All heavy atoms as atom14 arrays in JSON, in Angstrom:
{
  "sequence": "EAEGLLRLYPKRGALVVPVAPGEADDVLDARLLVEVH",
  "atom14_mask": [
    [1, 1, 1, 1, 1, 1, 1, 1, 1, 0, 0, 0, 0, 0],
    [1, 1, 1, 1, 1, 0, 0, 0, 0, 0, 0, 0, 0, 0],
    [1, 1, 1, 1, 1, 1, 1, 1, 1, 0, 0, 0, 0, 0],
    [1, 1, 1, 1, 0, 0, 0, 0, 0, 0, 0, 0, 0, 0],
    [1, 1, 1, 1, 1, 1, 1, 1, 0, 0, 0, 0, 0, 0],
    [1, 1, 1, 1, 1, 1, 1, 1, 0, 0, 0, 0, 0, 0],
    [1, 1, 1, 1, 1, 1, 1, 1, 1, 1, 1, 0, 0, 0],
    [1, 1, 1, 1, 1, 1, 1, 1, 0, 0, 0, 0, 0, 0],
    [1, 1, 1, 1, 1, 1, 1, 1, 1, 1, 1, 1, 0, 0],
    [1, 1, 1, 1, 1, 1, 1, 0, 0, 0, 0, 0, 0, 0],
    [1, 1, 1, 1, 1, 1, 1, 1, 1, 0, 0, 0, 0, 0],
    [1, 1, 1, 1, 1, 1, 1, 1, 1, 1, 1, 0, 0, 0],
    [1, 1, 1, 1, 0, 0, 0, 0, 0, 0, 0, 0, 0, 0],
    [1, 1, 1, 1, 1, 0, 0, 0, 0, 0, 0, 0, 0, 0],
    [1, 1, 1, 1, 1, 1, 1, 1, 0, 0, 0, 0, 0, 0],
    [1, 1, 1, 1, 1, 1, 1, 0, 0, 0, 0, 0, 0, 0],
    [1, 1, 1, 1, 1, 1, 1, 0, 0, 0, 0, 0, 0, 0],
    [1, 1, 1, 1, 1, 1, 1, 0, 0, 0, 0, 0, 0, 0],
    [1, 1, 1, 1, 1, 1, 1, 0, 0, 0, 0, 0, 0, 0],
    [1, 1, 1, 1, 1, 0, 0, 0, 0, 0, 0, 0, 0, 0],
    [1, 1, 1, 1, 1, 1, 1, 0, 0, 0, 0, 0, 0, 0],
    [1, 1, 1, 1, 0, 0, 0, 0, 0, 0, 0, 0, 0, 0],
    [1, 1, 1, 1, 1, 1, 1, 1, 1, 0, 0, 0, 0, 0],
    [1, 1, 1, 1, 1, 0, 0, 0, 0, 0, 0, 0, 0, 0],
    [1, 1, 1, 1, 1, 1, 1, 1, 0, 0, 0, 0, 0, 0],
    [1, 1, 1, 1, 1, 1, 1, 1, 0, 0, 0, 0, 0, 0],
    [1, 1, 1, 1, 1, 1, 1, 0, 0, 0, 0, 0, 0, 0],
    [1, 1, 1, 1, 1, 1, 1, 1, 0, 0, 0, 0, 0, 0],
    [1, 1, 1, 1, 1, 1, 1, 1, 0, 0, 0, 0, 0, 0],
    [1, 1, 1, 1, 1, 0, 0, 0, 0, 0, 0, 0, 0, 0],
    [1, 1, 1, 1, 1, 1, 1, 1, 1, 1, 1, 0, 0, 0],
    [1, 1, 1, 1, 1, 1, 1, 1, 0, 0, 0, 0, 0, 0],
    [1, 1, 1, 1, 1, 1, 1, 1, 0, 0, 0, 0, 0, 0],
    [1, 1, 1, 1, 1, 1, 1, 0, 0, 0, 0, 0, 0, 0],
    [1, 1, 1, 1, 1, 1, 1, 1, 1, 0, 0, 0, 0, 0],
    [1, 1, 1, 1, 1, 1, 1, 0, 0, 0, 0, 0, 0, 0],
    [1, 1, 1, 1, 1, 1, 1, 1, 1, 1, 0, 0, 0, 0]
  ],
  "atom14_positions": [
    [[18.94, 7.39, -5.6], [19.08, 6.87, -6.96], [19.17, 5.35, -6.92], [18.57, 4.66, -7.76], [20.32, 7.46, -7.63], [20.49, 6.99, -9.08], [21.71, 7.59, -9.75], [22.78, 7.62, -9.09], [21.61, 8.02, -10.9], [0.0, 0.0, 0.0], [0.0, 0.0, 0.0], [0.0, 0.0, 0.0], [0.0, 0.0, 0.0], [0.0, 0.0, 0.0]],
    [[19.91, 4.79, -5.96], [20.04, 3.34, -5.82], [18.69, 2.69, -5.53], [18.45, 1.54, -5.91], [21.04, 3.01, -4.72], [0.0, 0.0, 0.0], [0.0, 0.0, 0.0], [0.0, 0.0, 0.0], [0.0, 0.0, 0.0], [0.0, 0.0, 0.0], [0.0, 0.0, 0.0], [0.0, 0.0, 0.0], [0.0, 0.0, 0.0], [0.0, 0.0, 0.0]],
    [[17.8, 3.41, -4.86], [16.47, 2.89, -4.56], [15.49, 3.09, -5.72], [14.34, 2.67, -5.63], [15.92, 3.57, -3.3], [16.69, 3.23, -2.04], [16.13, 3.91, -0.81], [15.01, 4.49, -0.89], [16.78, 3.86, 0.24], [0.0, 0.0, 0.0], [0.0, 0.0, 0.0], [0.0, 0.0, 0.0], [0.0, 0.0, 0.0], [0.0, 0.0, 0.0]],
    [[15.93, 3.73, -6.77], [15.09, 3.92, -7.93], [14.14, 5.09, -7.83], [13.23, 5.22, -8.66], [0.0, 0.0, 0.0], [0.0, 0.0, 0.0], [0.0, 0.0, 0.0], [0.0, 0.0, 0.0], [0.0, 0.0, 0.0], [0.0, 0.0, 0.0], [0.0, 0.0, 0.0], [0.0, 0.0, 0.0], [0.0, 0.0, 0.0], [0.0, 0.0, 0.0]],
    [[14.34, 5.97, -6.86], [13.45, 7.11, -6.69], [13.93, 8.36, -7.43], [13.12, 9.2, -7.81], [13.28, 7.44, -5.2], [12.56, 6.37, -4.37], [12.53, 6.77, -2.91], [11.14, 6.13, -4.89], [0.0, 0.0, 0.0], [0.0, 0.0, 0.0], [0.0, 0.0, 0.0], [0.0, 0.0, 0.0], [0.0, 0.0, 0.0], [0.0, 0.0, 0.0]],
    [[15.24, 8.49, -7.6], [15.81, 9.63, -8.31], [16.67, 9.14, -9.47], [17.21, 8.04, -9.45], [16.69, 10.48, -7.39], [16.03, 11.21, -6.21], [17.08, 12.04, -5.47], [14.87, 12.08, -6.66], [0.0, 0.0, 0.0], [0.0, 0.0, 0.0], [0.0, 0.0, 0.0], [0.0, 0.0, 0.0], [0.0, 0.0, 0.0], [0.0, 0.0, 0.0]],
    [[16.8, 10.0, -10.49], [17.74, 9.79, -11.58], [18.6, 11.04, -11.67], [18.07, 12.14, -11.86], [17.02, 9.52, -12.9], [17.94, 9.13, -14.06], [17.13, 8.79, -15.3], [16.23, 7.67, -15.05], [14.93, 7.66, -15.34], [14.38, 8.74, -15.89], [14.19, 6.6, -15.09], [0.0, 0.0, 0.0], [0.0, 0.0, 0.0], [0.0, 0.0, 0.0]],
    [[19.91, 10.89, -11.49], [20.8, 12.04, -11.39], [21.36, 12.44, -12.75], [21.76, 11.58, -13.54], [21.94, 11.73, -10.42], [21.53, 11.26, -9.02], [22.75, 11.1, -8.14], [20.52, 12.22, -8.4], [0.0, 0.0, 0.0], [0.0, 0.0, 0.0], [0.0, 0.0, 0.0], [0.0, 0.0, 0.0], [0.0, 0.0, 0.0], [0.0, 0.0, 0.0]],
    [[21.39, 13.76, -12.98], [21.95, 14.31, -14.2], [23.01, 15.35, -13.81], [22.67, 16.38, -13.22], [20.87, 14.97, -15.05], [19.84, 14.0, -15.6], [18.65, 13.76, -14.9], [20.07, 13.33, -16.78], [17.71, 12.86, -15.4], [19.13, 12.44, -17.29], [17.96, 12.21, -16.59], [17.03, 11.32, -17.08], [0.0, 0.0, 0.0], [0.0, 0.0, 0.0]],
    [[24.28, 15.07, -14.11], [25.36, 15.99, -13.74], [25.08, 17.41, -14.22], [24.69, 17.63, -15.37], [26.59, 15.39, -14.44], [26.26, 13.93, -14.56], [24.79, 13.87, -14.81], [0.0, 0.0, 0.0], [0.0, 0.0, 0.0], [0.0, 0.0, 0.0], [0.0, 0.0, 0.0], [0.0, 0.0, 0.0], [0.0, 0.0, 0.0], [0.0, 0.0, 0.0]],
    [[25.26, 18.36, -13.3], [25.12, 19.8, -13.56], [23.68, 20.23, -13.84], [23.42, 21.4, -14.08], [26.02, 20.23, -14.72], [27.5, 20.01, -14.46], [28.34, 20.5, -15.63], [29.83, 20.28, -15.36], [30.69, 20.75, -16.48], [0.0, 0.0, 0.0], [0.0, 0.0, 0.0], [0.0, 0.0, 0.0], [0.0, 0.0, 0.0], [0.0, 0.0, 0.0]],
    [[22.75, 19.28, -13.84], [21.35, 19.63, -14.09], [20.47, 19.4, -12.86], [19.5, 20.12, -12.65], [20.8, 18.82, -15.26], [21.4, 19.19, -16.61], [20.81, 18.33, -17.72], [19.36, 18.37, -17.74], [18.59, 17.49, -18.41], [19.17, 16.51, -19.1], [17.28, 17.61, -18.38], [0.0, 0.0, 0.0], [0.0, 0.0, 0.0], [0.0, 0.0, 0.0]],
    [[20.78, 18.4, -12.07], [19.98, 18.11, -10.89], [19.52, 16.68, -10.85], [20.13, 15.79, -11.45], [0.0, 0.0, 0.0], [0.0, 0.0, 0.0], [0.0, 0.0, 0.0], [0.0, 0.0, 0.0], [0.0, 0.0, 0.0], [0.0, 0.0, 0.0], [0.0, 0.0, 0.0], [0.0, 0.0, 0.0], [0.0, 0.0, 0.0], [0.0, 0.0, 0.0]],
    [[18.43, 16.46, -10.14], [17.89, 15.11, -9.94], [16.43, 15.07, -10.39], [15.63, 15.92, -9.99], [18.0, 14.71, -8.48], [0.0, 0.0, 0.0], [0.0, 0.0, 0.0], [0.0, 0.0, 0.0], [0.0, 0.0, 0.0], [0.0, 0.0, 0.0], [0.0, 0.0, 0.0], [0.0, 0.0, 0.0], [0.0, 0.0, 0.0], [0.0, 0.0, 0.0]],
    [[16.12, 14.1, -11.21], [14.75, 13.88, -11.67], [14.06, 12.89, -10.75], [14.62, 11.82, -10.45], [14.75, 13.34, -13.09], [13.39, 12.88, -13.65], [12.52, 14.08, -13.97], [13.58, 12.01, -14.88], [0.0, 0.0, 0.0], [0.0, 0.0, 0.0], [0.0, 0.0, 0.0], [0.0, 0.0, 0.0], [0.0, 0.0, 0.0], [0.0, 0.0, 0.0]],
    [[12.86, 13.21, -10.28], [12.06, 12.26, -9.52], [11.46, 11.26, -10.5], [10.7, 11.64, -11.39], [10.94, 12.97, -8.73], [10.12, 11.95, -7.95], [11.53, 14.01, -7.79], [0.0, 0.0, 0.0], [0.0, 0.0, 0.0], [0.0, 0.0, 0.0], [0.0, 0.0, 0.0], [0.0, 0.0, 0.0], [0.0, 0.0, 0.0], [0.0, 0.0, 0.0]],
    [[11.85, 10.0, -10.36], [11.42, 8.97, -11.31], [9.92, 8.74, -11.17], [9.43, 8.46, -10.07], [12.18, 7.65, -11.07], [11.69, 6.57, -12.02], [13.69, 7.87, -11.24], [0.0, 0.0, 0.0], [0.0, 0.0, 0.0], [0.0, 0.0, 0.0], [0.0, 0.0, 0.0], [0.0, 0.0, 0.0], [0.0, 0.0, 0.0], [0.0, 0.0, 0.0]],
    [[9.16, 8.88, -12.25], [7.71, 8.65, -12.16], [7.39, 7.2, -11.84], [8.19, 6.29, -12.1], [7.22, 9.01, -13.58], [8.31, 9.84, -14.18], [9.59, 9.33, -13.59], [0.0, 0.0, 0.0], [0.0, 0.0, 0.0], [0.0, 0.0, 0.0], [0.0, 0.0, 0.0], [0.0, 0.0, 0.0], [0.0, 0.0, 0.0], [0.0, 0.0, 0.0]],
    [[6.23, 6.98, -11.24], [5.75, 5.63, -10.99], [5.36, 5.01, -12.34], [4.51, 5.56, -13.05], [4.54, 5.62, -10.04], [3.99, 4.21, -9.89], [4.92, 6.21, -8.69], [0.0, 0.0, 0.0], [0.0, 0.0, 0.0], [0.0, 0.0, 0.0], [0.0, 0.0, 0.0], [0.0, 0.0, 0.0], [0.0, 0.0, 0.0], [0.0, 0.0, 0.0]],
    [[6.0, 3.9, -12.68], [5.71, 3.25, -13.95], [4.39, 2.49, -13.86], [4.06, 1.92, -12.81], [6.83, 2.28, -14.33], [0.0, 0.0, 0.0], [0.0, 0.0, 0.0], [0.0, 0.0, 0.0], [0.0, 0.0, 0.0], [0.0, 0.0, 0.0], [0.0, 0.0, 0.0], [0.0, 0.0, 0.0], [0.0, 0.0, 0.0], [0.0, 0.0, 0.0]],
    [[3.59, 2.46, -14.94], [2.33, 1.71, -14.92], [2.51, 0.25, -14.49], [1.72, -0.29, -13.74], [1.83, 1.82, -16.36], [2.43, 3.09, -16.86], [3.78, 3.17, -16.22], [0.0, 0.0, 0.0], [0.0, 0.0, 0.0], [0.0, 0.0, 0.0], [0.0, 0.0, 0.0], [0.0, 0.0, 0.0], [0.0, 0.0, 0.0], [0.0, 0.0, 0.0]],
    [[3.57, -0.37, -14.97], [3.81, -1.76, -14.6], [4.09, -1.92, -13.12], [3.67, -2.91, -12.5], [0.0, 0.0, 0.0], [0.0, 0.0, 0.0], [0.0, 0.0, 0.0], [0.0, 0.0, 0.0], [0.0, 0.0, 0.0], [0.0, 0.0, 0.0], [0.0, 0.0, 0.0], [0.0, 0.0, 0.0], [0.0, 0.0, 0.0], [0.0, 0.0, 0.0]],
    [[4.78, -0.94, -12.53], [5.06, -1.0, -11.09], [3.77, -0.9, -10.29], [3.59, -1.62, -9.29], [6.0, 0.14, -10.7], [6.31, 0.19, -9.21], [7.14, 1.39, -8.8], [7.56, 2.16, -9.7], [7.37, 1.57, -7.6], [0.0, 0.0, 0.0], [0.0, 0.0, 0.0], [0.0, 0.0, 0.0], [0.0, 0.0, 0.0], [0.0, 0.0, 0.0]],
    [[2.87, -0.05, -10.71], [1.6, 0.1, -10.01], [0.82, -1.21, -10.02], [0.29, -1.65, -8.99], [0.78, 1.21, -10.65], [0.0, 0.0, 0.0], [0.0, 0.0, 0.0], [0.0, 0.0, 0.0], [0.0, 0.0, 0.0], [0.0, 0.0, 0.0], [0.0, 0.0, 0.0], [0.0, 0.0, 0.0], [0.0, 0.0, 0.0], [0.0, 0.0, 0.0]],
    [[0.76, -1.86, -11.16], [0.04, -3.14, -11.25], [0.69, -4.19, -10.37], [0.01, -4.97, -9.69], [0.01, -3.62, -12.7], [-0.96, -2.82, -13.57], [-1.88, -2.2, -13.0], [-0.78, -2.81, -14.79], [0.0, 0.0, 0.0], [0.0, 0.0, 0.0], [0.0, 0.0, 0.0], [0.0, 0.0, 0.0], [0.0, 0.0, 0.0], [0.0, 0.0, 0.0]],
    [[2.01, -4.24, -10.37], [2.73, -5.22, -9.56], [2.45, -5.03, -8.07], [2.2, -5.98, -7.33], [4.24, -5.14, -9.81], [4.63, -5.67, -11.18], [3.8, -6.32, -11.83], [5.79, -5.44, -11.58], [0.0, 0.0, 0.0], [0.0, 0.0, 0.0], [0.0, 0.0, 0.0], [0.0, 0.0, 0.0], [0.0, 0.0, 0.0], [0.0, 0.0, 0.0]],
    [[2.49, -3.77, -7.63], [2.26, -3.48, -6.22], [0.82, -3.82, -5.82], [0.57, -4.42, -4.77], [2.57, -2.01, -5.9], [2.12, -1.64, -4.49], [4.07, -1.75, -6.04], [0.0, 0.0, 0.0], [0.0, 0.0, 0.0], [0.0, 0.0, 0.0], [0.0, 0.0, 0.0], [0.0, 0.0, 0.0], [0.0, 0.0, 0.0], [0.0, 0.0, 0.0]],
    [[-0.13, -3.47, -6.66], [-1.54, -3.75, -6.33], [-1.81, -5.25, -6.32], [-2.55, -5.75, -5.47], [-2.45, -3.04, -7.33], [-2.45, -1.51, -7.22], [-3.27, -0.9, -8.34], [-2.96, -1.05, -5.86], [0.0, 0.0, 0.0], [0.0, 0.0, 0.0], [0.0, 0.0, 0.0], [0.0, 0.0, 0.0], [0.0, 0.0, 0.0], [0.0, 0.0, 0.0]],
    [[-1.23, -5.98, -7.26], [-1.4, -7.44, -7.27], [-0.8, -8.06, -6.02], [-1.37, -8.98, -5.42], [-0.75, -8.04, -8.52], [-1.53, -7.75, -9.8], [-2.7, -7.31, -9.69], [-0.97, -7.94, -10.89], [0.0, 0.0, 0.0], [0.0, 0.0, 0.0], [0.0, 0.0, 0.0], [0.0, 0.0, 0.0], [0.0, 0.0, 0.0], [0.0, 0.0, 0.0]],
    [[0.37, -7.56, -5.62], [1.01, -8.08, -4.42], [0.19, -7.77, -3.18], [0.06, -8.6, -2.27], [2.42, -7.5, -4.29], [0.0, 0.0, 0.0], [0.0, 0.0, 0.0], [0.0, 0.0, 0.0], [0.0, 0.0, 0.0], [0.0, 0.0, 0.0], [0.0, 0.0, 0.0], [0.0, 0.0, 0.0], [0.0, 0.0, 0.0], [0.0, 0.0, 0.0]],
    [[-0.37, -6.57, -3.13], [-1.21, -6.2, -2.0], [-2.41, -7.13, -1.87], [-2.78, -7.54, -0.77], [-1.69, -4.76, -2.14], [-0.65, -3.71, -1.77], [-1.21, -2.31, -1.96], [-2.42, -2.1, -1.19], [-3.18, -1.02, -1.28], [-2.85, -0.04, -2.12], [-4.26, -0.89, -0.54], [0.0, 0.0, 0.0], [0.0, 0.0, 0.0], [0.0, 0.0, 0.0]],
    [[-3.02, -7.46, -3.0], [-4.19, -8.35, -2.97], [-3.83, -9.7, -2.37], [-4.5, -10.21, -1.48], [-4.76, -8.51, -4.38], [-5.96, -9.45, -4.5], [-7.14, -8.9, -3.72], [-6.33, -9.65, -5.96], [0.0, 0.0, 0.0], [0.0, 0.0, 0.0], [0.0, 0.0, 0.0], [0.0, 0.0, 0.0], [0.0, 0.0, 0.0], [0.0, 0.0, 0.0]],
    [[-2.75, -10.28, -2.87], [-2.33, -11.6, -2.38], [-2.0, -11.56, -0.89], [-2.44, -12.42, -0.12], [-1.11, -12.08, -3.16], [-1.35, -12.42, -4.64], [-0.02, -12.71, -5.33], [-2.28, -13.63, -4.76], [0.0, 0.0, 0.0], [0.0, 0.0, 0.0], [0.0, 0.0, 0.0], [0.0, 0.0, 0.0], [0.0, 0.0, 0.0], [0.0, 0.0, 0.0]],
    [[-1.23, -10.56, -0.5], [-0.78, -10.48, 0.89], [-1.94, -10.2, 1.84], [-2.1, -10.87, 2.87], [0.3, -9.39, 1.03], [0.6, -9.11, 2.51], [1.59, -9.83, 0.33], [0.0, 0.0, 0.0], [0.0, 0.0, 0.0], [0.0, 0.0, 0.0], [0.0, 0.0, 0.0], [0.0, 0.0, 0.0], [0.0, 0.0, 0.0], [0.0, 0.0, 0.0]],
    [[-2.79, -9.24, 1.5], [-3.82, -8.82, 2.45], [-4.98, -9.8, 2.54], [-5.55, -9.99, 3.62], [-4.3, -7.41, 2.1], [-3.18, -6.39, 2.3], [-3.63, -4.95, 2.14], [-4.7, -4.59, 2.67], [-2.91, -4.19, 1.47], [0.0, 0.0, 0.0], [0.0, 0.0, 0.0], [0.0, 0.0, 0.0], [0.0, 0.0, 0.0], [0.0, 0.0, 0.0]],
    [[-5.32, -10.45, 1.45], [-6.38, -11.46, 1.53], [-5.9, -12.64, 2.36], [-6.65, -13.19, 3.18], [-6.8, -11.91, 0.11], [-7.68, -13.16, 0.18], [-7.56, -10.78, -0.59], [0.0, 0.0, 0.0], [0.0, 0.0, 0.0], [0.0, 0.0, 0.0], [0.0, 0.0, 0.0], [0.0, 0.0, 0.0], [0.0, 0.0, 0.0], [0.0, 0.0, 0.0]],
    [[-4.64, -13.02, 2.16], [-4.1, -14.12, 2.98], [-4.02, -13.7, 4.44], [-4.37, -14.49, 5.34], [-2.71, -14.52, 2.47], [-2.12, -15.68, 3.21], [-2.42, -16.98, 2.9], [-1.28, -15.72, 4.28], [-1.78, -17.78, 3.73], [-1.08, -17.04, 4.57], [0.0, 0.0, 0.0], [0.0, 0.0, 0.0], [0.0, 0.0, 0.0], [0.0, 0.0, 0.0]]
  ]
}
């Protein structure tokens, strides 16, 4: 949960946090900068 992968709900369980569209764009942009360099 601290890493942002799970969201805990008491007595219900743990939800796997979906990949947010903004996160995908951020990671891909970072990959481009890092790998081209």
